[in-house]
PDB file of N, CA and C in Angstrom:
ATOM      1  N   MET A   1      31.144 -44.035   6.554  1.00  0.00           N
ATOM      2  CA  MET A   1      31.446 -42.658   6.184  1.00  0.00           C
ATOM      3  C   MET A   1      30.830 -42.309   4.837  1.00  0.00           C
ATOM      4  N   LEU A   2      30.779 -43.232   3.923  1.00  0.00           N
ATOM      5  CA  LEU A   2      30.180 -42.960   2.618  1.00  0.00           C
ATOM      6  C   LEU A   2      28.667 -42.809   2.702  1.00  0.00           C
ATOM      7  N   ILE A   3      28.066 -43.376   3.722  1.00  0.00           N
ATOM      8  CA  ILE A   3      26.623 -43.241   3.897  1.00  0.00           C
ATOM      9  C   ILE A   3      26.283 -41.816   4.344  1.00  0.00           C
ATOM     10  N   LEU A   4      27.206 -41.162   5.033  1.00  0.00           N
ATOM     11  CA  LEU A   4      26.951 -39.807   5.510  1.00  0.00           C
ATOM     12  C   LEU A   4      26.933 -38.770   4.384  1.00  0.00           C
ATOM     13  N   VAL A   5      27.640 -39.016   3.295  1.00  0.00           N
ATOM     14  CA  VAL A   5      27.710 -38.045   2.203  1.00  0.00           C
ATOM     15  C   VAL A   5      26.325 -37.831   1.576  1.00  0.00           C
ATOM     16  N   PRO A   6      25.603 -38.898   1.163  1.00  0.00           N
ATOM     17  CA  PRO A   6      24.252 -38.649   0.619  1.00  0.00           C
ATOM     18  C   PRO A   6      23.305 -38.030   1.654  1.00  0.00           C
ATOM     19  N   LEU A   7      23.473 -38.393   2.907  1.00  0.00           N
ATOM     20  CA  LEU A   7      22.648 -37.824   3.956  1.00  0.00           C
ATOM     21  C   LEU A   7      22.914 -36.327   4.095  1.00  0.00           C
ATOM     22  N   LEU A   8      24.178 -35.936   4.068  1.00  0.00           N
ATOM     23  CA  LEU A   8      24.523 -34.515   4.146  1.00  0.00           C
ATOM     24  C   LEU A   8      24.020 -33.748   2.920  1.00  0.00           C
ATOM     25  N   ILE A   9      24.097 -34.370   1.753  1.00  0.00           N
ATOM     26  CA  ILE A   9      23.581 -33.735   0.527  1.00  0.00           C
ATOM     27  C   ILE A   9      22.070 -33.547   0.637  1.00  0.00           C
ATOM     28  N   LEU A  10      21.382 -34.547   1.135  1.00  0.00           N
ATOM     29  CA  LEU A  10      19.934 -34.464   1.314  1.00  0.00           C
ATOM     30  C   LEU A  10      19.571 -33.344   2.294  1.00  0.00           C
ATOM     31  N   VAL A  11      20.297 -33.247   3.391  1.00  0.00           N
ATOM     32  CA  VAL A  11      20.052 -32.180   4.363  1.00  0.00           C
ATOM     33  C   VAL A  11      20.322 -30.818   3.731  1.00  0.00           C
ATOM     34  N   ALA A  12      21.379 -30.709   2.945  1.00  0.00           N
ATOM     35  CA  ALA A  12      21.705 -29.440   2.286  1.00  0.00           C
ATOM     36  C   ALA A  12      20.607 -29.045   1.303  1.00  0.00           C
ATOM     37  N   ILE A  13      20.054 -29.995   0.575  1.00  0.00           N
ATOM     38  CA  ILE A  13      18.967 -29.707  -0.371  1.00  0.00           C
ATOM     39  C   ILE A  13      17.723 -29.252   0.383  1.00  0.00           C
ATOM     40  N   ILE A  14      17.406 -29.920   1.473  1.00  0.00           N
ATOM     41  CA  ILE A  14      16.232 -29.537   2.259  1.00  0.00           C
ATOM     42  C   ILE A  14      16.391 -28.129   2.826  1.00  0.00           C
ATOM     43  N   VAL A  15      17.565 -27.812   3.323  1.00  0.00           N
ATOM     44  CA  VAL A  15      17.819 -26.477   3.865  1.00  0.00           C
ATOM     45  C   VAL A  15      17.731 -25.424   2.760  1.00  0.00           C
ATOM     46  N   ALA A  16      18.262 -25.740   1.572  1.00  0.00           N
ATOM     47  CA  ALA A  16      18.216 -24.794   0.460  1.00  0.00           C
ATOM     48  C   ALA A  16      16.775 -24.534   0.029  1.00  0.00           C
ATOM     49  N   ILE A  17      15.970 -25.579  -0.061  1.00  0.00           N
ATOM     50  CA  ILE A  17      14.557 -25.406  -0.425  1.00  0.00           C
ATOM     51  C   ILE A  17      13.834 -24.594   0.645  1.00  0.00           C
ATOM     52  N   ASP A  18      14.126 -24.864   1.882  1.00  0.00           N
ATOM     53  CA  ASP A  18      13.509 -24.123   2.970  1.00  0.00           C
ATOM     54  C   ASP A  18      13.864 -22.641   2.888  1.00  0.00           C
ATOM     55  N   GLN A  19      15.107 -22.325   2.612  1.00  0.00           N
ATOM     56  CA  GLN A  19      15.537 -20.935   2.499  1.00  0.00           C
ATOM     57  C   GLN A  19      14.901 -20.239   1.301  1.00  0.00           C
ATOM     58  N   LEU A  20      14.729 -20.959   0.203  1.00  0.00           N
ATOM     59  CA  LEU A  20      14.150 -20.353  -0.993  1.00  0.00           C
ATOM     60  C   LEU A  20      12.671 -20.042  -0.817  1.00  0.00           C
ATOM     61  N   TYR A  21      11.936 -20.954  -0.244  1.00  0.00           N
ATOM     62  CA  TYR A  21      10.484 -20.793  -0.175  1.00  0.00           C
ATOM     63  C   TYR A  21       9.983 -20.146   1.098  1.00  0.00           C
ATOM     64  N   PHE A  22      10.734 -20.225   2.169  1.00  0.00           N
ATOM     65  CA  PHE A  22      10.245 -19.721   3.443  1.00  0.00           C
ATOM     66  C   PHE A  22      11.186 -18.715   4.087  1.00  0.00           C
ATOM     67  N   SER A  23      11.962 -17.998   3.302  1.00  0.00           N
ATOM     68  CA  SER A  23      12.941 -17.079   3.874  1.00  0.00           C
ATOM     69  C   SER A  23      12.335 -15.731   4.238  1.00  0.00           C
ATOM     70  N   ASP A  24      11.191 -15.371   3.654  1.00  0.00           N
ATOM     71  CA  ASP A  24      10.578 -14.072   3.908  1.00  0.00           C
ATOM     72  C   ASP A  24       9.790 -14.123   5.210  1.00  0.00           C
ATOM     73  N   ILE A  25      10.322 -13.481   6.234  1.00  0.00           N
ATOM     74  CA  ILE A  25       9.688 -13.507   7.545  1.00  0.00           C
ATOM     75  C   ILE A  25       8.651 -12.388   7.653  1.00  0.00           C
ATOM     76  N   THR A  26       8.951 -11.220   7.063  1.00  0.00           N
ATOM     77  CA  THR A  26       8.036 -10.092   7.175  1.00  0.00           C
ATOM     78  C   THR A  26       6.859 -10.278   6.224  1.00  0.00           C
ATOM     79  N   PRO A  27       5.669  -9.906   6.664  1.00  0.00           N
ATOM     80  CA  PRO A  27       4.517 -10.020   5.759  1.00  0.00           C
ATOM     81  C   PRO A  27       4.601  -8.996   4.644  1.00  0.00           C
ATOM     82  N   LYS A  28       4.125  -9.365   3.494  1.00  0.00           N
ATOM     83  CA  LYS A  28       4.147  -8.453   2.350  1.00  0.00           C
ATOM     84  C   LYS A  28       2.933  -7.550   2.400  1.00  0.00           C
ATOM     85  N   ASP A  29       3.129  -6.320   1.964  1.00  0.00           N
ATOM     86  CA  ASP A  29       2.019  -5.386   1.871  1.00  0.00           C
ATOM     87  C   ASP A  29       1.350  -5.612   0.523  1.00  0.00           C
ATOM     88  N   THR A  30       0.191  -6.249   0.540  1.00  0.00           N
ATOM     89  CA  THR A  30      -0.480  -6.609  -0.700  1.00  0.00           C
ATOM     90  C   THR A  30      -1.516  -5.578  -1.114  1.00  0.00           C
ATOM     91  N   SER A  31      -1.623  -4.485  -0.383  1.00  0.00           N
ATOM     92  CA  SER A  31      -2.585  -3.457  -0.727  1.00  0.00           C
ATOM     93  C   SER A  31      -2.111  -2.707  -1.965  1.00  0.00           C
ATOM     94  N   SER A  32      -3.040  -2.494  -2.857  1.00  0.00           N
ATOM     95  CA  SER A  32      -2.687  -1.740  -4.052  1.00  0.00           C
ATOM     96  C   SER A  32      -2.715  -0.246  -3.740  1.00  0.00           C
ATOM     97  N   LYS A  33      -2.188   0.524  -4.655  1.00  0.00           N
ATOM     98  CA  LYS A  33      -2.148   1.969  -4.468  1.00  0.00           C
ATOM     99  C   LYS A  33      -3.567   2.539  -4.385  1.00  0.00           C
ATOM    100  N   LYS A  34      -4.462   1.974  -5.189  1.00  0.00           N
ATOM    101  CA  LYS A  34      -5.844   2.443  -5.196  1.00  0.00           C
ATOM    102  C   LYS A  34      -6.519   2.172  -3.849  1.00  0.00           C
ATOM    103  N   GLU A  35      -6.272   0.998  -3.274  1.00  0.00           N
ATOM    104  CA  GLU A  35      -6.856   0.666  -1.971  1.00  0.00           C
ATOM    105  C   GLU A  35      -6.329   1.595  -0.880  1.00  0.00           C
ATOM    106  N   LEU A  36      -5.035   1.897  -0.933  1.00  0.00           N
ATOM    107  CA  LEU A  36      -4.449   2.796   0.060  1.00  0.00           C
ATOM    108  C   LEU A  36      -5.019   4.200  -0.067  1.00  0.00           C
ATOM    109  N   GLN A  37      -5.235   4.659  -1.303  1.00  0.00           N
ATOM    110  CA  GLN A  37      -5.820   5.972  -1.506  1.00  0.00           C
ATOM    111  C   GLN A  37      -7.260   6.006  -1.005  1.00  0.00           C
ATOM    112  N   GLN A  38      -8.010   4.916  -1.226  1.00  0.00           N
ATOM    113  CA  GLN A  38      -9.388   4.844  -0.750  1.00  0.00           C
ATOM    114  C   GLN A  38      -9.439   4.885   0.773  1.00  0.00           C
ATOM    115  N   LYS A  39      -8.520   4.153   1.406  1.00  0.00           N
ATOM    116  CA  LYS A  39      -8.480   4.141   2.871  1.00  0.00           C
ATOM    117  C   LYS A  39      -8.154   5.543   3.402  1.00  0.00           C
ATOM    118  N   ALA A  40      -7.209   6.224   2.772  1.00  0.00           N
ATOM    119  CA  ALA A  40      -6.847   7.577   3.192  1.00  0.00           C
ATOM    120  C   ALA A  40      -8.017   8.526   2.989  1.00  0.00           C
ATOM    121  N   SER A  41      -8.736   8.362   1.883  1.00  0.00           N
ATOM    122  CA  SER A  41      -9.892   9.200   1.604  1.00  0.00           C
ATOM    123  C   SER A  41     -10.992   8.971   2.637  1.00  0.00           C
ATOM    124  N   ASP A  42     -11.226   7.715   2.999  1.00  0.00           N
ATOM    125  CA  ASP A  42     -12.238   7.393   4.013  1.00  0.00           C
ATOM    126  C   ASP A  42     -11.867   8.000   5.371  1.00  0.00           C
ATOM    127  N   MET A  43     -10.603   7.909   5.725  1.00  0.00           N
ATOM    128  CA  MET A  43     -10.165   8.479   7.001  1.00  0.00           C
ATOM    129  C   MET A  43     -10.314   9.996   6.992  1.00  0.00           C
ATOM    130  N   ASN A  44     -10.016  10.614   5.842  1.00  0.00           N
ATOM    131  CA  ASN A  44     -10.140  12.061   5.719  1.00  0.00           C
ATOM    132  C   ASN A  44     -11.606  12.474   5.823  1.00  0.00           C
ATOM    133  N   ALA A  45     -12.498  11.713   5.186  1.00  0.00           N
ATOM    134  CA  ALA A  45     -13.929  12.017   5.254  1.00  0.00           C
ATOM    135  C   ALA A  45     -14.440  11.866   6.683  1.00  0.00           C
ATOM    136  N   THR A  46     -13.981  10.854   7.365  1.00  0.00           N
ATOM    137  CA  THR A  46     -14.392  10.657   8.759  1.00  0.00           C
ATOM    138  C   THR A  46     -13.925  11.813   9.622  1.00  0.00           C
ATOM    139  N   GLN A  47     -12.703  12.248   9.423  1.00  0.00           N
ATOM    140  CA  GLN A  47     -12.177  13.376  10.205  1.00  0.00           C
ATOM    141  C   GLN A  47     -12.948  14.649   9.907  1.00  0.00           C
ATOM    142  N   LYS A  48     -13.298  14.863   8.642  1.00  0.00           N
ATOM    143  CA  LYS A  48     -14.075  16.054   8.289  1.00  0.00           C
ATOM    144  C   LYS A  48     -15.455  16.001   8.938  1.00  0.00           C
ATOM    145  N   TYR A  49     -16.074  14.824   8.960  1.00  0.00           N
ATOM    146  CA  TYR A  49     -17.373  14.667   9.610  1.00  0.00           C
ATOM    147  C   TYR A  49     -17.274  14.993  11.091  1.00  0.00           C
ATOM    148  N   LEU A  50     -16.239  14.464  11.727  1.00  0.00           N
ATOM    149  CA  LEU A  50     -16.064  14.745  13.155  1.00  0.00           C
ATOM    150  C   LEU A  50     -15.844  16.227  13.398  1.00  0.00           C
ATOM    151  N   ASP A  51     -15.029  16.825  12.553  1.00  0.00           N
ATOM    152  CA  ASP A  51     -14.751  18.256  12.724  1.00  0.00           C
ATOM    153  C   ASP A  51     -16.038  19.079  12.533  1.00  0.00           C
ATOM    154  N   ARG A  52     -16.857  18.714  11.583  1.00  0.00           N
ATOM    155  CA  ARG A  52     -18.036  19.504  11.242  1.00  0.00           C
ATOM    156  C   ARG A  52     -19.160  19.327  12.270  1.00  0.00           C
ATOM    157  N   TYR A  53     -19.475  18.091  12.640  1.00  0.00           N
ATOM    158  CA  TYR A  53     -20.676  17.845  13.429  1.00  0.00           C
ATOM    159  C   TYR A  53     -20.429  17.589  14.911  1.00  0.00           C
ATOM    160  N   ILE A  54     -19.329  16.984  15.233  1.00  0.00           N
ATOM    161  CA  ILE A  54     -19.100  16.614  16.635  1.00  0.00           C
ATOM    162  C   ILE A  54     -18.457  17.755  17.415  1.00  0.00           C
ATOM    163  N   LYS A  55     -17.509  18.442  16.824  1.00  0.00           N
ATOM    164  CA  LYS A  55     -16.752  19.457  17.541  1.00  0.00           C
ATOM    165  C   LYS A  55     -17.490  20.788  17.659  1.00  0.00           C
ATOM    166  N   LYS A  56     -18.596  20.952  16.970  1.00  0.00           N
ATOM    167  CA  LYS A  56     -19.336  22.227  17.043  1.00  0.00           C
ATOM    168  C   LYS A  56     -20.108  22.331  18.316  1.00  0.00           C
TER     169      LYS A  56
END
């Protein structure tokens, strides 16, 4: 029975480390505000091009 105590402590430490380092399941949005604005600007320019040249 005394052998189980260190084993349980070891398992608890492993679970705690796992929760601390790997608890974030969702991916983080690493895009900066400037990158998002550039992407929006590019999409807007593409839409304007389509509106001007393709739809005429």
